[in-house]
Amino acid sequence: MLQQTYSNLQKELMLDLNKSNALACPRLVKIVVAMGVGKHKDSESYINEAKLELAQITGQAPAMRRARKAISGFKLRKGEIVGLQVTLRGARMWAFLERFISTALPRVRDFRGISLTGFDSHGNYSIGITEHQIFPEIDSNKLKQPKSLQITLVTQPGVTDSECETMLTKLGMPFEKGNKNG
């Protein structure tokens, strides 16, 4: 299990990052998986299908995200559903990360590694997935339309991007070879 692997890697992280305390090492707090419904916001069948598929992928029922204000250019009214979101913590978070790294990412077409440009300046990492059928829980034969996902790995406050990259590399995240700019 990846959670046990992280416990073993904490000592290595302390040495690599010159930390004197194990609590100062970077650690994952939560994983947020989001799916926008976009132009299908009025289709109840599309939203129900997306809800079911996101629940299958994460093992947790998604929360509906609603528009906070009306935007006439997008034909969007306040309170309309604009997306679905799941926040994973604890054992479900580690199980999802393990399935994502070991099972889903190798199924990506022409996969050469994950880009290093997904770090924000606070030590969090975001990955955009254009086709959600890379997850084995989704049956490609029953799929009506591919959907995209946004996966954000959130670390505790005070972690730098390089510390987060070191932690994720040690956990087995397959980053692309080369520099950060391309």
Protein backbone atom coordinates (compact mmCIF):
# COMPACT_ATOMS: atom_id res chain seq x y z
CA MET A 1 0.00 0.00 0.00
CA LEU A 2 1.23 3.48 -0.86
CA GLN A 3 0.45 4.86 2.60
CA GLN A 4 2.88 2.35 4.17
CA THR A 5 5.44 3.22 1.49
CA TYR A 6 5.20 6.90 2.45
CA SER A 7 5.83 6.04 6.11
CA ASN A 8 9.01 4.24 5.07
CA LEU A 9 10.07 7.07 2.74
CA GLN A 10 9.79 9.74 5.42
CA LYS A 11 13.32 9.03 6.66
CA GLU A 12 14.69 9.27 3.11
CA LEU A 13 12.82 12.55 2.59
CA MET A 14 14.29 13.93 5.82
CA LEU A 15 17.81 13.24 4.53
CA ASP A 16 17.19 14.42 0.95
CA LEU A 17 15.48 17.66 2.00
CA ASN A 18 17.71 18.36 5.05
CA LYS A 19 14.81 18.31 7.48
CA SER A 20 15.51 17.63 11.15
CA ASN A 21 11.91 16.72 11.99
CA ALA A 22 9.66 14.16 10.30
CA LEU A 23 6.72 16.55 10.62
CA ALA A 24 8.56 19.08 8.45
CA CYS A 25 8.63 16.65 5.52
CA PRO A 26 6.06 17.23 2.78
CA ARG A 27 2.96 15.05 2.98
CA LEU A 28 -0.30 14.79 1.09
CA VAL A 29 -3.31 16.27 2.86
CA LYS A 30 -5.98 15.55 0.26
CA ILE A 31 -6.66 14.82 -3.39
CA VAL A 32 -9.38 16.79 -5.16
CA VAL A 33 -10.91 15.24 -8.29
CA ALA A 34 -13.11 17.64 -10.27
CA MET A 35 -15.15 17.23 -13.44
CA GLY A 36 -16.79 20.15 -15.26
CA VAL A 37 -20.08 19.61 -17.07
CA GLY A 38 -19.60 22.55 -19.45
CA LYS A 39 -22.14 22.84 -22.24
CA HIS A 40 -24.04 19.82 -20.88
CA LYS A 41 -25.20 21.71 -17.78
CA ASP A 42 -28.84 21.46 -18.87
CA SER A 43 -28.73 17.71 -19.60
CA GLU A 44 -29.80 15.84 -16.49
CA SER A 45 -28.84 12.48 -18.03
CA TYR A 46 -25.30 13.72 -18.72
CA ILE A 47 -24.93 15.00 -15.14
CA ASN A 48 -26.25 11.72 -13.69
CA GLU A 49 -23.87 9.73 -15.90
CA ALA A 50 -20.93 11.95 -14.87
CA LYS A 51 -21.92 11.61 -11.20
CA LEU A 52 -22.04 7.82 -11.46
CA GLU A 53 -18.71 7.59 -13.30
CA LEU A 54 -16.92 9.94 -10.89
CA ALA A 55 -18.27 7.89 -7.98
CA GLN A 56 -16.94 4.71 -9.64
CA ILE A 57 -13.50 6.23 -10.16
CA THR A 58 -13.09 7.69 -6.65
CA GLY A 59 -15.22 5.37 -4.52
CA GLN A 60 -17.04 8.36 -3.05
CA ALA A 61 -20.17 10.28 -4.03
CA PRO A 62 -19.34 13.60 -5.73
CA ALA A 63 -20.61 16.98 -4.57
CA MET A 64 -22.29 19.20 -7.14
CA ARG A 65 -20.71 22.60 -7.68
CA ARG A 66 -23.07 25.41 -8.58
CA ALA A 67 -22.45 28.77 -10.24
CA ARG A 68 -21.99 31.55 -7.71
CA LYS A 69 -23.13 34.27 -10.08
CA ALA A 70 -24.83 34.63 -13.44
CA ILE A 71 -22.70 35.19 -16.56
CA SER A 72 -24.79 36.07 -19.60
CA GLY A 73 -21.97 35.47 -22.11
CA PHE A 74 -21.91 31.80 -21.07
CA LYS A 75 -25.71 31.55 -20.71
CA LEU A 76 -25.13 30.69 -17.07
CA ARG A 77 -27.55 31.46 -14.26
CA LYS A 78 -26.75 31.65 -10.58
CA GLY A 79 -27.23 28.27 -8.93
CA GLU A 80 -26.87 26.09 -12.07
CA ILE A 81 -24.65 23.02 -11.83
CA VAL A 82 -21.26 23.69 -13.41
CA GLY A 83 -19.26 20.72 -12.14
CA LEU A 84 -18.77 17.81 -9.79
CA GLN A 85 -16.06 17.46 -7.16
CA VAL A 86 -14.75 14.78 -4.81
CA THR A 87 -12.29 15.43 -1.99
CA LEU A 88 -10.38 12.32 -0.91
CA ARG A 89 -8.54 12.04 2.39
CA GLY A 90 -6.94 9.26 4.41
CA ALA A 91 -7.09 5.68 3.17
CA ARG A 92 -9.27 6.51 0.13
CA MET A 93 -6.77 9.17 -0.92
CA TRP A 94 -3.85 6.74 -0.78
CA ALA A 95 -5.83 3.99 -2.56
CA PHE A 96 -6.81 6.41 -5.34
CA LEU A 97 -3.23 7.66 -5.76
CA GLU A 98 -1.92 4.10 -5.97
CA ARG A 99 -4.52 3.16 -8.63
CA PHE A 100 -3.81 6.38 -10.51
CA ILE A 101 -0.04 5.86 -10.63
CA SER A 102 0.08 2.11 -11.18
CA THR A 103 -3.02 1.43 -13.29
CA ALA A 104 -4.49 4.56 -14.90
CA LEU A 105 -1.39 6.46 -16.06
CA PRO A 106 0.10 3.51 -17.99
CA ARG A 107 -3.17 3.36 -19.97
CA VAL A 108 -2.73 6.92 -21.33
CA ARG A 109 -2.10 6.91 -25.06
CA ASP A 110 1.50 7.88 -26.03
CA PHE A 111 2.44 8.37 -22.38
CA ARG A 112 5.92 9.80 -21.85
CA GLY A 113 5.52 11.04 -18.31
CA ILE A 114 3.62 13.73 -16.47
CA SER A 115 4.54 17.35 -17.09
CA LEU A 116 6.51 19.21 -14.45
CA THR A 117 4.58 22.44 -15.14
CA GLY A 118 1.57 21.44 -13.00
CA PHE A 119 2.99 22.81 -9.74
CA ASP A 120 1.54 25.97 -8.26
CA SER A 121 3.77 28.12 -6.08
CA HIS A 122 2.47 26.50 -2.86
CA GLY A 123 3.66 22.90 -3.33
CA ASN A 124 0.42 21.53 -4.82
CA TYR A 125 0.30 19.62 -8.10
CA SER A 126 -2.54 19.57 -10.66
CA ILE A 127 -3.00 17.10 -13.49
CA GLY A 128 -5.52 17.39 -16.30
CA ILE A 129 -6.87 14.14 -17.72
CA THR A 130 -8.66 14.51 -21.06
CA GLU A 131 -10.23 11.05 -21.21
CA HIS A 132 -11.51 9.48 -18.01
CA GLN A 133 -11.69 5.99 -19.50
CA ILE A 134 -8.05 5.42 -18.53
CA PHE A 135 -9.44 4.30 -15.18
CA PRO A 136 -10.25 0.57 -15.21
CA GLU A 137 -13.54 1.19 -13.35
CA ILE A 138 -15.03 2.79 -16.48
CA ASP A 139 -16.34 0.33 -19.06
CA SER A 140 -15.39 1.72 -22.48
CA ASN A 141 -18.19 -0.25 -24.19
CA LYS A 142 -20.91 1.48 -22.14
CA LEU A 143 -19.30 4.92 -22.42
CA LYS A 144 -21.45 7.48 -24.23
CA GLN A 145 -19.01 10.37 -24.21
CA PRO A 146 -15.46 10.83 -22.85
CA LYS A 147 -15.14 13.29 -19.99
CA SER A 148 -12.16 15.18 -18.64
CA LEU A 149 -10.94 15.35 -15.05
CA GLN A 150 -8.79 17.69 -13.02
CA ILE A 151 -6.82 15.97 -10.26
CA THR A 152 -5.11 18.16 -7.64
CA LEU A 153 -2.68 16.73 -5.09
CA VAL A 154 -2.69 19.08 -2.09
CA THR A 155 0.18 19.17 0.41
CA GLN A 156 0.35 20.85 3.80
CA PRO A 157 1.14 24.59 3.94
CA GLY A 158 4.76 25.68 3.66
CA VAL A 159 5.88 23.05 1.14
CA THR A 160 7.85 24.24 -1.88
CA ASP A 161 7.34 22.91 -5.39
CA SER A 162 10.72 21.15 -5.40
CA GLU A 163 9.93 19.41 -2.10
CA CYS A 164 6.59 18.26 -3.47
CA GLU A 165 8.27 17.03 -6.66
CA THR A 166 10.81 15.05 -4.61
CA MET A 167 8.04 13.47 -2.51
CA LEU A 168 5.93 12.54 -5.55
CA THR A 169 8.94 11.11 -7.37
CA LYS A 170 9.74 8.90 -4.39
CA LEU A 171 6.09 7.76 -4.29
CA GLY A 172 6.43 6.63 -7.91
CA MET A 173 4.91 9.49 -9.92
CA PRO A 174 6.30 9.15 -13.45
CA PHE A 175 7.44 12.68 -14.33
CA GLU A 176 8.69 13.34 -17.85
CA LYS A 177 12.40 13.52 -18.43
CA GLY A 178 13.87 16.92 -19.26
CA ASN A 179 13.53 20.46 -18.04
CA LYS A 180 10.51 22.20 -16.52
CA ASN A 181 9.98 24.52 -19.48
CA GLY A 182 9.18 21.91 -22.05
